[in-house]
Amino acid sequence: MDTIKTLVIEPLRRPELRDIDPSITAIGKTIGGYAEPLPLDRRTTLWCDEEGAIKNLKPNRTIRLSQDSRLADAGKPIIIRGTFVITGPHPQDGPSDSTTSRSDATPPCSPTPKRPAGSPTAKRS
């Protein structure tokens, strides 16, 4: 099964890089609710609980949507409540590989490449 690299941000915790299934259901499980996509820009989508305010979830971060966001709140600060996930482009924006400027760049929402058995892994400093 393919996975995507995501950044999971829980309230009062440091962001964590995770590989998750690219389905809406898996994103919803990760955030603990109905996944609502907020396109931050052409390459990045924030997924949060659509009912975060109704559920009175803890405020997590305040963000400002980019001016090129298609949302009415573009350029205004909004409070994200509860856990949220950041991925690459929203599927309706077309294939994620069309958003990269370098041919060798891996888009943030592309499936995680599978390593051959026995291949060395990079060490973190």
Foldseek 3Di string as FASTA:
>chain_A
DFWFWKWKFFAPDDIDIDTWHPDQVGQCVSQVARWDWFALAQWKIKTHHPCQVVVVAAFHDWDARDQRTPDPRHRHIDTGGTMMMMFTHDVVSDDNCVPDPDNPDDRRGDTDDDDDPPDDDDDDD
